[in-house]
C-alpha atoms as a PDB file:
ATOM      1  CA  MET A   1      -0.132   0.004  -0.141  1.00  0.00           C
ATOM      2  CA  PRO A   2       1.910   3.265  -1.119  1.00  0.00           C
ATOM      3  CA  ARG A   3       1.859   5.202   1.919  1.00  0.00           C
ATOM      4  CA  SER A   4       0.877   9.635   2.163  1.00  0.00           C
ATOM      5  CA  SER A   5       2.723  11.745   0.756  1.00  0.00           C
ATOM      6  CA  ALA A   6       4.013  15.076   3.391  1.00  0.00           C
ATOM      7  CA  ALA A   7       1.749  17.285   2.128  1.00  0.00           C
ATOM      8  CA  VAL A   8      -1.781  15.410   2.448  1.00  0.00           C
ATOM      9  CA  TYR A   9      -0.475  14.633   5.324  1.00  0.00           C
ATOM     10  CA  ARG A  10      -0.525  18.409   6.566  1.00  0.00           C
ATOM     11  CA  ARG A  11      -3.898  18.824   4.871  1.00  0.00           C
ATOM     12  CA  ARG A  12      -5.492  16.555   6.810  1.00  0.00           C
ATOM     13  CA  ARG A  13      -3.620  17.610  10.342  1.00  0.00           C
ATOM     14  CA  LEU A  14      -4.679  21.298   9.004  1.00  0.00           C
ATOM     15  CA  VAL A  15      -8.164  20.204   8.467  1.00  0.00           C
ATOM     16  CA  ALA A  16      -8.871  18.762  12.146  1.00  0.00           C
ATOM     17  CA  VAL A  17      -7.074  21.597  13.918  1.00  0.00           C
ATOM     18  CA  VAL A  18      -9.423  23.988  12.465  1.00  0.00           C
ATOM     19  CA  GLY A  19     -12.269  21.445  13.192  1.00  0.00           C
ATOM     20  CA  LEU A  20     -11.694  21.204  17.008  1.00  0.00           C
ATOM     21  CA  ILE A  21     -11.084  25.261  16.834  1.00  0.00           C
ATOM     22  CA  VAL A  22     -15.060  25.409  15.426  1.00  0.00           C
ATOM     23  CA  LEU A  23     -16.188  23.164  18.314  1.00  0.00           C
ATOM     24  CA  LEU A  24     -15.066  24.694  20.983  1.00  0.00           C
ATOM     25  CA  THR A  25     -15.943  28.183  20.229  1.00  0.00           C
ATOM     26  CA  ALA A  26     -19.846  26.486  19.009  1.00  0.00           C
ATOM     27  CA  ILE A  27     -19.538  24.867  22.863  1.00  0.00           C
ATOM     28  CA  GLY A  28     -18.145  28.643  24.790  1.00  0.00           C
ATOM     29  CA  VAL A  29     -20.879  30.209  23.347  1.00  0.00           C
ATOM     30  CA  GLY A  30     -24.072  27.921  23.821  1.00  0.00           C
ATOM     31  CA  VAL A  31     -22.132  27.955  27.975  1.00  0.00           C
ATOM     32  CA  TRP A  32     -22.049  31.763  28.135  1.00  0.00           C
ATOM     33  CA  LEU A  33     -25.988  31.864  25.992  1.00  0.00           C
ATOM     34  CA  PHE A  34     -27.144  29.380  29.325  1.00  0.00           C
ATOM     35  CA  ILE A  35     -25.027  31.127  32.014  1.00  0.00           C
ATOM     36  CA  ALA A  36     -25.333  34.804  31.087  1.00  0.00           C
ATOM     37  CA  GLN A  37     -29.633  34.391  29.690  1.00  0.00           C
ATOM     38  CA  PRO A  38     -28.933  37.526  28.231  1.00  0.00           C
ATOM     39  CA  TRP A  39     -32.037  38.397  26.992  1.00  0.00           C
ATOM     40  CA  VAL A  40     -33.946  38.148  30.574  1.00  0.00           C
ATOM     41  CA  GLY A  41     -34.864  40.986  31.796  1.00  0.00           C
ATOM     42  CA  ALA A  42     -34.574  42.945  28.364  1.00  0.00           C
ATOM     43  CA  GLU A  43     -37.727  44.969  27.255  1.00  0.00           C
ATOM     44  CA  ALA A  44     -37.477  45.617  23.127  1.00  0.00           C
ATOM     45  CA  SER A  45     -37.841  49.060  22.689  1.00  0.00           C
ATOM     46  CA  PRO A  46     -40.491  50.232  20.116  1.00  0.00           C
ATOM     47  CA  ARG A  47     -38.996  50.713  16.088  1.00  0.00           C
ATOM     48  CA  PRO A  48     -39.126  53.898  15.124  1.00  0.00           C
ATOM     49  CA  THR A  49     -42.051  55.316  12.828  1.00  0.00           C
ATOM     50  CA  SER A  50     -41.910  57.254   9.535  1.00  0.00           C
ATOM     51  CA  SER A  51     -45.209  59.265  12.059  1.00  0.00           C
ATOM     52  CA  SER A  52     -43.172  60.086  15.275  1.00  0.00           C
ATOM     53  CA  THR A  53     -41.285  63.144  16.326  1.00  0.00           C
ATOM     54  CA  PRO A  54     -38.406  63.765  18.452  1.00  0.00           C
ATOM     55  CA  SER A  55     -38.918  66.231  21.643  1.00  0.00           C
ATOM     56  CA  ASP A  56     -37.626  69.222  21.384  1.00  0.00           C
ATOM     57  CA  SER A  57     -36.527  69.507  24.720  1.00  0.00           C
ATOM     58  CA  PRO A  58     -36.621  66.626  27.424  1.00  0.00           C
ATOM     59  CA  THR A  59     -39.077  66.385  30.201  1.00  0.00           C
ATOM     60  CA  THR A  60     -37.675  65.168  33.214  1.00  0.00           C
ATOM     61  CA  ALA A  61     -40.216  63.710  36.006  1.00  0.00           C
ATOM     62  CA  PRO A  62     -39.893  64.973  39.591  1.00  0.00           C
ATOM     63  CA  THR A  63     -37.861  63.685  42.331  1.00  0.00           C
ATOM     64  CA  ALA A  64     -38.787  61.584  45.560  1.00  0.00           C
ATOM     65  CA  GLY A  65     -39.275  64.583  47.809  1.00  0.00           C
ATOM     66  CA  GLU A  66     -40.415  67.176  44.752  1.00  0.00           C
ATOM     67  CA  THR A  67     -43.730  68.465  44.658  1.00  0.00           C
ATOM     68  CA  PRO A  68     -44.377  69.008  41.436  1.00  0.00           C
ATOM     69  CA  ALA A  69     -45.316  73.256  39.881  1.00  0.00           C
ATOM     70  CA  ALA A  70     -48.803  73.452  39.667  1.00  0.00           C
ATOM     71  CA  GLU A  71     -50.701  74.983  36.419  1.00  0.00           C
ATOM     72  CA  PRO A  72     -52.121  78.724  36.317  1.00  0.00           C
ATOM     73  CA  THR A  73     -55.718  78.683  37.230  1.00  0.00           C
ATOM     74  CA  ALA A  74     -58.065  80.859  35.646  1.00  0.00           C
ATOM     75  CA  ASP A  75     -58.414  82.822  39.120  1.00  0.00           C
ATOM     76  CA  GLU A  76     -55.352  82.671  38.640  1.00  0.00           C
ATOM     77  CA  THR A  77     -55.042  84.920  35.103  1.00  0.00           C
ATOM     78  CA  PRO A  78     -55.259  88.311  35.313  1.00  0.00           C
ATOM     79  CA  GLY A  79     -57.879  89.765  32.734  1.00  0.00           C
ATOM     80  CA  ILE A  80     -60.244  92.084  31.546  1.00  0.00           C
ATOM     81  CA  GLU A  81     -63.486  93.692  34.014  1.00  0.00           C
ATOM     82  CA  PRO A  82     -66.766  93.222  32.737  1.00  0.00           C
ATOM     83  CA  CYS A  83     -67.720  97.157  31.754  1.00  0.00           C
ATOM     84  CA  LYS A  84     -68.939  98.730  34.735  1.00  0.00           C
ATOM     85  CA  ALA A  85     -72.744 100.963  34.641  1.00  0.00           C
ATOM     86  CA  THR A  86     -70.540 104.591  35.683  1.00  0.00           C
ATOM     87  CA  ASP A  87     -68.306 103.430  32.688  1.00  0.00           C
ATOM     88  CA  ILE A  88     -71.192 103.303  29.509  1.00  0.00           C
ATOM     89  CA  THR A  89     -72.158 106.530  27.681  1.00  0.00           C
ATOM     90  CA  VAL A  90     -75.036 104.183  26.455  1.00  0.00           C
ATOM     91  CA  ALA A  91     -76.780 106.530  22.908  1.00  0.00           C
ATOM     92  CA  ALA A  92     -79.629 105.046  20.364  1.00  0.00           C
ATOM     93  CA  VAL A  93     -78.092 106.376  16.439  1.00  0.00           C
ATOM     94  CA  THR A  94     -80.618 106.493  13.696  1.00  0.00           C
ATOM     95  CA  ASP A  95     -79.680 106.438  10.293  1.00  0.00           C
ATOM     96  CA  ALA A  96     -81.833 109.754   9.661  1.00  0.00           C
ATOM     97  CA  GLU A  97     -83.883 112.610  11.437  1.00  0.00           C
ATOM     98  CA  VAL A  98     -87.375 112.792   9.539  1.00  0.00           C
ATOM     99  CA  TYR A  99     -87.842 109.467   6.674  1.00  0.00           C
ATOM    100  CA  PRO A 100     -90.335 110.469   4.400  1.00  0.00           C
ATOM    101  CA  ALA A 101     -93.492 108.289   3.912  1.00  0.00           C
ATOM    102  CA  GLY A 102     -92.834 104.850   3.279  1.00  0.00           C
ATOM    103  CA  VAL A 103     -88.685 104.801   4.402  1.00  0.00           C
ATOM    104  CA  LEU A 104     -88.559 102.912   7.545  1.00  0.00           C
ATOM    105  CA  PRO A 105     -85.866 103.357  10.130  1.00  0.00           C
ATOM    106  CA  LYS A 106     -82.791 102.119  11.642  1.00  0.00           C
ATOM    107  CA  LEU A 107     -81.718 102.122  14.640  1.00  0.00           C
ATOM    108  CA  SER A 108     -78.180 101.082  16.067  1.00  0.00           C
ATOM    109  CA  ILE A 109     -76.581 101.622  18.995  1.00  0.00           C
ATOM    110  CA  SER A 110     -73.128 103.798  20.752  1.00  0.00           C
ATOM    111  CA  LEU A 111     -71.406 102.649  23.287  1.00  0.00           C
ATOM    112  CA  THR A 112     -69.006 104.990  24.522  1.00  0.00           C
ATOM    113  CA  ASN A 113     -66.264 103.280  27.287  1.00  0.00           C
ATOM    114  CA  ASN A 114     -65.283 106.530  29.556  1.00  0.00           C
ATOM    115  CA  GLY A 115     -63.402 104.632  32.212  1.00  0.00           C
ATOM    116  CA  ARG A 116     -59.732 104.398  31.792  1.00  0.00           C
ATOM    117  CA  SER A 117     -58.929 100.605  31.437  1.00  0.00           C
ATOM    118  CA  ASP A 118     -60.430  98.168  28.762  1.00  0.00           C
ATOM    119  CA  CYS A 119     -63.776  96.442  30.047  1.00  0.00           C
ATOM    120  CA  THR A 120     -66.014  93.712  28.471  1.00  0.00           C
ATOM    121  CA  LEU A 121     -69.609  93.398  27.662  1.00  0.00           C
ATOM    122  CA  ASP A 122     -72.121  91.355  26.198  1.00  0.00           C
ATOM    123  CA  VAL A 123     -73.498  93.400  22.604  1.00  0.00           C
ATOM    124  CA  GLY A 124     -75.174  91.055  21.520  1.00  0.00           C
ATOM    125  CA  SER A 125     -78.724  91.131  20.097  1.00  0.00           C
ATOM    126  CA  THR A 126     -79.732  89.801  23.373  1.00  0.00           C
ATOM    127  CA  MET A 127     -79.213  92.461  25.484  1.00  0.00           C
ATOM    128  CA  GLN A 128     -79.876  95.302  24.287  1.00  0.00           C
ATOM    129  CA  VAL A 129     -83.946  97.033  23.798  1.00  0.00           C
ATOM    130  CA  PHE A 130     -85.052  99.544  21.505  1.00  0.00           C
ATOM    131  CA  THR A 131     -88.197 101.744  22.209  1.00  0.00           C
ATOM    132  CA  VAL A 132     -89.320 104.466  19.813  1.00  0.00           C
ATOM    133  CA  SER A 133     -92.414 106.185  22.026  1.00  0.00           C
ATOM    134  CA  SER A 134     -94.474 109.537  21.371  1.00  0.00           C
ATOM    135  CA  GLY A 135     -94.995 110.743  25.121  1.00  0.00           C
ATOM    136  CA  ALA A 136     -95.228 109.254  27.421  1.00  0.00           C
ATOM    137  CA  ASP A 137     -96.993 105.971  25.014  1.00  0.00           C
ATOM    138  CA  VAL A 138     -94.864 103.523  24.094  1.00  0.00           C
ATOM    139  CA  TRP A 139     -95.274 102.135  20.102  1.00  0.00           C
ATOM    140  CA  TRP A 140     -92.330  99.817  19.847  1.00  0.00           C
ATOM    141  CA  ARG A 141     -90.352  97.456  21.199  1.00  0.00           C
ATOM    142  CA  SER A 142     -87.566  95.784  20.226  1.00  0.00           C
ATOM    143  CA  THR A 143     -87.607  92.205  21.957  1.00  0.00           C
ATOM    144  CA  ASP A 144     -91.721  92.222  21.415  1.00  0.00           C
ATOM    145  CA  CYS A 145     -91.062  89.872  18.349  1.00  0.00           C
ATOM    146  CA  GLN A 146     -87.296  89.371  18.506  1.00  0.00           C
ATOM    147  CA  GLU A 147     -86.320  86.509  16.371  1.00  0.00           C
ATOM    148  CA  ASN A 148     -82.932  84.647  17.008  1.00  0.00           C
ATOM    149  CA  PRO A 149     -81.734  86.655  19.635  1.00  0.00           C
ATOM    150  CA  SER A 150     -77.974  86.352  19.863  1.00  0.00           C
ATOM    151  CA  SER A 151     -74.712  86.358  22.163  1.00  0.00           C
ATOM    152  CA  MET A 152     -71.639  88.441  21.482  1.00  0.00           C
ATOM    153  CA  ILE A 153     -69.314  89.549  24.638  1.00  0.00           C
ATOM    154  CA  ALA A 154     -67.038  92.207  22.925  1.00  0.00           C
ATOM    155  CA  THR A 155     -63.800  94.182  24.179  1.00  0.00           C
ATOM    156  CA  LEU A 156     -64.676  98.350  24.731  1.00  0.00           C
ATOM    157  CA  ALA A 157     -61.123 100.196  25.108  1.00  0.00           C
ATOM    158  CA  ALA A 158     -60.183 102.187  27.624  1.00  0.00           C
ATOM    159  CA  GLY A 159     -61.685 105.823  25.939  1.00  0.00           C
ATOM    160  CA  THR A 160     -62.837 104.924  23.116  1.00  0.00           C
ATOM    161  CA  THR A 161     -66.306 104.555  21.033  1.00  0.00           C
ATOM    162  CA  VAL A 162     -68.529 101.926  19.117  1.00  0.00           C
ATOM    163  CA  THR A 163     -71.463 102.049  16.846  1.00  0.00           C
ATOM    164  CA  SER A 164     -73.261  98.592  16.105  1.00  0.00           C
ATOM    165  CA  LYS A 165     -72.975  97.622  13.086  1.00  0.00           C
ATOM    166  CA  GLU A 166     -76.382  96.194  11.659  1.00  0.00           C
ATOM    167  CA  PRO A 167     -79.125  97.804  12.598  1.00  0.00           C
ATOM    168  CA  VAL A 168     -82.745  97.049  13.609  1.00  0.00           C
ATOM    169  CA  THR A 169     -85.596  98.100  11.780  1.00  0.00           C
ATOM    170  CA  TRP A 170     -88.576  99.589  13.332  1.00  0.00           C
ATOM    171  CA  ASP A 171     -91.514  98.757  10.172  1.00  0.00           C
ATOM    172  CA  ARG A 172     -93.358 102.221  11.527  1.00  0.00           C
ATOM    173  CA  THR A 173     -96.149  99.514  13.322  1.00  0.00           C
ATOM    174  CA  ARG A 174     -96.950  99.436  17.163  1.00  0.00           C
ATOM    175  CA  SER A 175     -95.406  95.878  18.917  1.00  0.00           C
ATOM    176  CA  SER A 176     -96.797  93.653  21.527  1.00  0.00           C
ATOM    177  CA  VAL A 177     -95.639  90.341  21.991  1.00  0.00           C
ATOM    178  CA  GLU A 178     -99.786  89.022  21.204  1.00  0.00           C
ATOM    179  CA  THR A 179     -99.589  90.768  17.871  1.00  0.00           C
ATOM    180  CA  CYS A 180     -96.868  89.423  16.260  1.00  0.00           C
ATOM    181  CA  ALA A 181     -97.502  86.956  13.243  1.00  0.00           C
ATOM    182  CA  GLU A 182    -101.037  89.973  12.506  1.00  0.00           C
ATOM    183  CA  GLU A 183     -99.957  91.254   9.468  1.00  0.00           C
ATOM    184  CA  ASN A 184    -102.651  94.027   9.659  1.00  0.00           C
ATOM    185  CA  ARG A 185    -100.819  96.579  13.131  1.00  0.00           C
ATOM    186  CA  PRO A 186    -101.629  99.682  13.881  1.00  0.00           C
ATOM    187  CA  ARG A 187     -99.172 101.560  12.100  1.00  0.00           C
ATOM    188  CA  ALA A 188     -97.403 104.546  13.705  1.00  0.00           C
ATOM    189  CA  PRO A 189     -99.008 108.090  12.188  1.00  0.00           C
ATOM    190  CA  GLY A 190     -96.544 109.982   9.920  1.00  0.00           C
ATOM    191  CA  GLY A 191     -97.279 113.869   8.267  1.00  0.00           C
ATOM    192  CA  GLY A 192     -94.500 115.488  10.672  1.00  0.00           C
ATOM    193  CA  ALA A 193     -95.306 113.021  13.744  1.00  0.00           C
ATOM    194  CA  SER A 194     -92.219 113.136  17.116  1.00  0.00           C
ATOM    195  CA  TYR A 195     -90.923 109.949  17.539  1.00  0.00           C
ATOM    196  CA  HIS A 196     -88.217 109.233  20.236  1.00  0.00           C
ATOM    197  CA  VAL A 197     -86.522 106.020  19.967  1.00  0.00           C
ATOM    198  CA  GLY A 198     -84.271 105.138  23.489  1.00  0.00           C
ATOM    199  CA  VAL A 199     -81.705 102.215  24.278  1.00  0.00           C
ATOM    200  CA  SER A 200     -81.123  99.817  26.387  1.00  0.00           C
ATOM    201  CA  ILE A 201     -78.005  97.524  26.618  1.00  0.00           C
ATOM    202  CA  GLY A 202     -77.295  94.685  29.873  1.00  0.00           C
ATOM    203  CA  GLY A 203     -78.890  97.426  32.028  1.00  0.00           C
ATOM    204  CA  PHE A 204     -77.304 100.223  30.788  1.00  0.00           C
ATOM    205  CA  GLU A 205     -79.804 102.718  30.393  1.00  0.00           C
ATOM    206  CA  SER A 206     -79.108 106.118  27.392  1.00  0.00           C
ATOM    207  CA  GLN A 207     -79.319 108.633  29.649  1.00  0.00           C
ATOM    208  CA  GLY A 208     -81.585 110.788  26.727  1.00  0.00           C
ATOM    209  CA  THR A 209     -83.882 110.023  23.192  1.00  0.00           C
ATOM    210  CA  GLN A 210     -83.081 110.649  19.872  1.00  0.00           C
ATOM    211  CA  GLN A 211     -86.198 112.505  17.784  1.00  0.00           C
ATOM    212  CA  ILE A 212     -87.158 111.222  15.000  1.00  0.00           C
ATOM    213  CA  ILE A 213     -89.507 112.597  11.739  1.00  0.00           C
ATOM    214  CA  LEU A 214     -92.348 110.410  10.178  1.00  0.00           C
ATOM    215  CA  GLU A 215     -93.702 112.289   7.428  1.00  0.00           C
END
């Protein structure tokens, strides 16, 4: 039987040594995994998604014995006070002084804040009351047949005067809550008859009235 050459012998020896190293390495890794168990107690971190956004600044949790700062409440936040009757001047405004036959008067309200500070007031139609009188006889009141009244809180700057943008129209008839649906309510006499328009808002009465003439 022919003897193996020296080169073949060296190759076989090298393969045996490499195989032994691989086997010892595998046995060592297995022992470490069994003893260390690196997955025990570990929590998987969520994978970042395209919608996640990194925080601009880190948040810090209070330490033991530390009391978190209280959030400010509405009562602690300084605000604008409601208007006082002593600071507000109310006046009725009309779009004309004399109205020809068939022309309907349009009535507005003027508010002046005479105080030194801004203040708030409900200027909605719910709070406005226009009256049209002839002497002591009240011919018409805007709230008698009012439809869809609204509320609107506005800020009146100190030292300024504002006028309502949407006027109230008087149809030149006598109003009454009992006759709102009637089409033939008594019409106010014209021919140069004089009427006076007054207004109040939120209980603030106008100091005087505005005179108008119906032709």
